Amino acid sequence: MINATEAALDEAGTRAAERLNTVDGADLQARVRAVQDQSLEQLGSFARSLQALMNGIQKR
């Protein structure tokens, strides 16, 4: 049982390492850029909402 578990873990580790070696740098860069762009959009939306709230408070 222990040997089977160790073998399965070794196989899973080997498959994971193989996947890491096949990462396309350009694809990864594009995905990171997309996440960064989305984060900037969300931050801008938050900032606009906060500004609208502050403007509403100042008018009172």
N, C-alpha and C. Protein backbone atom coordinates (compact mmCIF):
# COMPACT_ATOMS: atom_id res chain seq x y z
N MET A 1 0.83 -1.20 0.00
CA MET A 1 0.00 0.00 0.00
C MET A 1 0.87 1.25 0.00
N ILE A 2 1.87 1.29 0.86
CA ILE A 2 2.75 2.45 0.94
C ILE A 2 3.53 2.61 -0.37
N ASN A 3 4.00 1.48 -0.91
CA ASN A 3 4.75 1.54 -2.16
C ASN A 3 3.88 2.07 -3.30
N ALA A 4 2.64 1.66 -3.34
CA ALA A 4 1.72 2.12 -4.38
C ALA A 4 1.47 3.61 -4.25
N THR A 5 1.31 4.08 -3.02
CA THR A 5 1.09 5.50 -2.78
C THR A 5 2.31 6.31 -3.19
N GLU A 6 3.49 5.84 -2.81
CA GLU A 6 4.72 6.54 -3.19
C GLU A 6 4.90 6.57 -4.70
N ALA A 7 4.57 5.47 -5.36
CA ALA A 7 4.69 5.42 -6.82
C ALA A 7 3.72 6.40 -7.47
N ALA A 8 2.51 6.47 -6.95
CA ALA A 8 1.52 7.41 -7.49
C ALA A 8 1.96 8.85 -7.29
N LEU A 9 2.52 9.14 -6.13
CA LEU A 9 3.01 10.49 -5.86
C LEU A 9 4.18 10.83 -6.77
N ASP A 10 5.08 9.88 -6.98
CA ASP A 10 6.21 10.10 -7.88
C ASP A 10 5.73 10.38 -9.30
N GLU A 11 4.75 9.60 -9.75
CA GLU A 11 4.21 9.79 -11.09
C GLU A 11 3.54 11.15 -11.23
N ALA A 12 2.79 11.54 -10.22
CA ALA A 12 2.12 12.85 -10.25
C ALA A 12 3.16 13.97 -10.27
N GLY A 13 4.22 13.80 -9.49
CA GLY A 13 5.29 14.80 -9.48
C GLY A 13 5.98 14.91 -10.82
N THR A 14 6.19 13.79 -11.46
CA THR A 14 6.82 13.78 -12.79
C THR A 14 5.93 14.48 -13.81
N ARG A 15 4.64 14.19 -13.77
CA ARG A 15 3.71 14.83 -14.71
C ARG A 15 3.65 16.34 -14.47
N ALA A 16 3.66 16.75 -13.21
CA ALA A 16 3.63 18.18 -12.90
C ALA A 16 4.90 18.86 -13.42
N ALA A 17 6.04 18.23 -13.24
CA ALA A 17 7.30 18.79 -13.72
C ALA A 17 7.30 18.90 -15.25
N GLU A 18 6.74 17.90 -15.92
CA GLU A 18 6.66 17.95 -17.38
C GLU A 18 5.78 19.11 -17.84
N ARG A 19 4.68 19.35 -17.15
CA ARG A 19 3.80 20.47 -17.51
C ARG A 19 4.52 21.79 -17.31
N LEU A 20 5.31 21.91 -16.25
CA LEU A 20 6.05 23.15 -16.02
C LEU A 20 7.06 23.41 -17.12
N ASN A 21 7.64 22.35 -17.65
CA ASN A 21 8.62 22.51 -18.71
C ASN A 21 8.00 22.87 -20.05
N THR A 22 6.69 22.75 -20.17
CA THR A 22 6.03 23.03 -21.45
C THR A 22 5.27 24.35 -21.42
N VAL A 23 5.54 25.20 -20.44
CA VAL A 23 4.86 26.49 -20.35
C VAL A 23 5.35 27.39 -21.46
N ASP A 24 4.43 27.97 -22.18
CA ASP A 24 4.75 28.91 -23.26
C ASP A 24 4.91 30.29 -22.64
N GLY A 25 6.12 30.82 -22.71
CA GLY A 25 6.41 32.11 -22.10
C GLY A 25 5.54 33.23 -22.64
N ALA A 26 5.31 33.24 -23.95
CA ALA A 26 4.49 34.30 -24.55
C ALA A 26 3.04 34.19 -24.07
N ASP A 27 2.53 32.97 -23.97
CA ASP A 27 1.17 32.76 -23.48
C ASP A 27 1.05 33.20 -22.02
N LEU A 28 2.02 32.83 -21.23
CA LEU A 28 2.01 33.23 -19.82
C LEU A 28 2.07 34.74 -19.69
N GLN A 29 2.92 35.38 -20.49
CA GLN A 29 3.03 36.84 -20.45
C GLN A 29 1.70 37.49 -20.83
N ALA A 30 1.03 36.96 -21.84
CA ALA A 30 -0.26 37.50 -22.26
C ALA A 30 -1.31 37.34 -21.16
N ARG A 31 -1.30 36.20 -20.49
CA ARG A 31 -2.27 35.97 -19.41
C ARG A 31 -2.01 36.91 -18.23
N VAL A 32 -0.74 37.09 -17.90
CA VAL A 32 -0.40 38.00 -16.79
C VAL A 32 -0.82 39.42 -17.15
N ARG A 33 -0.56 39.83 -18.38
CA ARG A 33 -0.95 41.17 -18.83
C ARG A 33 -2.47 41.34 -18.73
N ALA A 34 -3.22 40.33 -19.13
CA ALA A 34 -4.69 40.40 -19.07
C ALA A 34 -5.16 40.56 -17.62
N VAL A 35 -4.55 39.83 -16.70
CA VAL A 35 -4.92 39.94 -15.29
C VAL A 35 -4.56 41.33 -14.76
N GLN A 36 -3.40 41.84 -15.16
CA GLN A 36 -3.01 43.18 -14.73
C GLN A 36 -3.99 44.22 -15.27
N ASP A 37 -4.36 44.10 -16.54
CA ASP A 37 -5.31 45.04 -17.12
C ASP A 37 -6.65 44.99 -16.40
N GLN A 38 -7.11 43.78 -16.09
CA GLN A 38 -8.37 43.63 -15.38
C GLN A 38 -8.28 44.26 -13.98
N SER A 39 -7.15 44.07 -13.33
CA SER A 39 -6.95 44.65 -12.00
C SER A 39 -6.99 46.17 -12.06
N LEU A 40 -6.36 46.74 -13.09
CA LEU A 40 -6.37 48.20 -13.25
C LEU A 40 -7.78 48.71 -13.49
N GLU A 41 -8.56 47.99 -14.29
CA GLU A 41 -9.95 48.38 -14.53
C GLU A 41 -10.75 48.35 -13.24
N GLN A 42 -10.57 47.31 -12.44
CA GLN A 42 -11.29 47.20 -11.18
C GLN A 42 -10.87 48.29 -10.20
N LEU A 43 -9.59 48.59 -10.16
CA LEU A 43 -9.11 49.65 -9.28
C LEU A 43 -9.67 51.00 -9.71
N GLY A 44 -9.72 51.24 -11.03
CA GLY A 44 -10.29 52.48 -11.54
C GLY A 44 -11.76 52.60 -11.18
N SER A 45 -12.49 51.51 -11.30
CA SER A 45 -13.91 51.51 -10.94
C SER A 45 -14.09 51.80 -9.45
N PHE A 46 -13.25 51.18 -8.64
CA PHE A 46 -13.31 51.42 -7.20
C PHE A 46 -13.01 52.88 -6.89
N ALA A 47 -11.99 53.44 -7.54
CA ALA A 47 -11.61 54.83 -7.29
C ALA A 47 -12.74 55.79 -7.70
N ARG A 48 -13.38 55.50 -8.84
CA ARG A 48 -14.51 56.35 -9.27
C ARG A 48 -15.67 56.27 -8.29
N SER A 49 -15.95 55.09 -7.80
CA SER A 49 -17.03 54.93 -6.82
C SER A 49 -16.72 55.66 -5.53
N LEU A 50 -15.50 55.54 -5.10
CA LEU A 50 -15.08 56.21 -3.88
C LEU A 50 -15.14 57.73 -4.05
N GLN A 51 -14.72 58.22 -5.22
CA GLN A 51 -14.79 59.66 -5.49
C GLN A 51 -16.24 60.13 -5.49
N ALA A 52 -17.14 59.37 -6.11
CA ALA A 52 -18.55 59.74 -6.12
C ALA A 52 -19.11 59.77 -4.70
N LEU A 53 -18.71 58.82 -3.88
CA LEU A 53 -19.16 58.81 -2.49
C LEU A 53 -18.65 60.03 -1.75
N MET A 54 -17.38 60.34 -1.93
CA MET A 54 -16.81 61.50 -1.25
C MET A 54 -17.47 62.80 -1.72
N ASN A 55 -17.75 62.89 -3.00
CA ASN A 55 -18.43 64.08 -3.53
C ASN A 55 -19.83 64.22 -2.93
N GLY A 56 -20.51 63.11 -2.74
CA GLY A 56 -21.83 63.14 -2.13
C GLY A 56 -21.78 63.57 -0.69
N ILE A 57 -20.75 63.16 0.03
CA ILE A 57 -20.61 63.55 1.44
C ILE A 57 -20.28 65.03 1.53
N GLN A 58 -19.44 65.55 0.66
CA GLN A 58 -19.03 66.94 0.71
C GLN A 58 -20.19 67.88 0.40
N LYS A 59 -21.15 67.43 -0.40
CA LYS A 59 -22.29 68.28 -0.77
C LYS A 59 -23.27 68.44 0.38
N ARG A 60 -23.19 67.59 1.36
CA ARG A 60 -24.16 67.65 2.47
C ARG A 60 -23.80 68.69 3.40
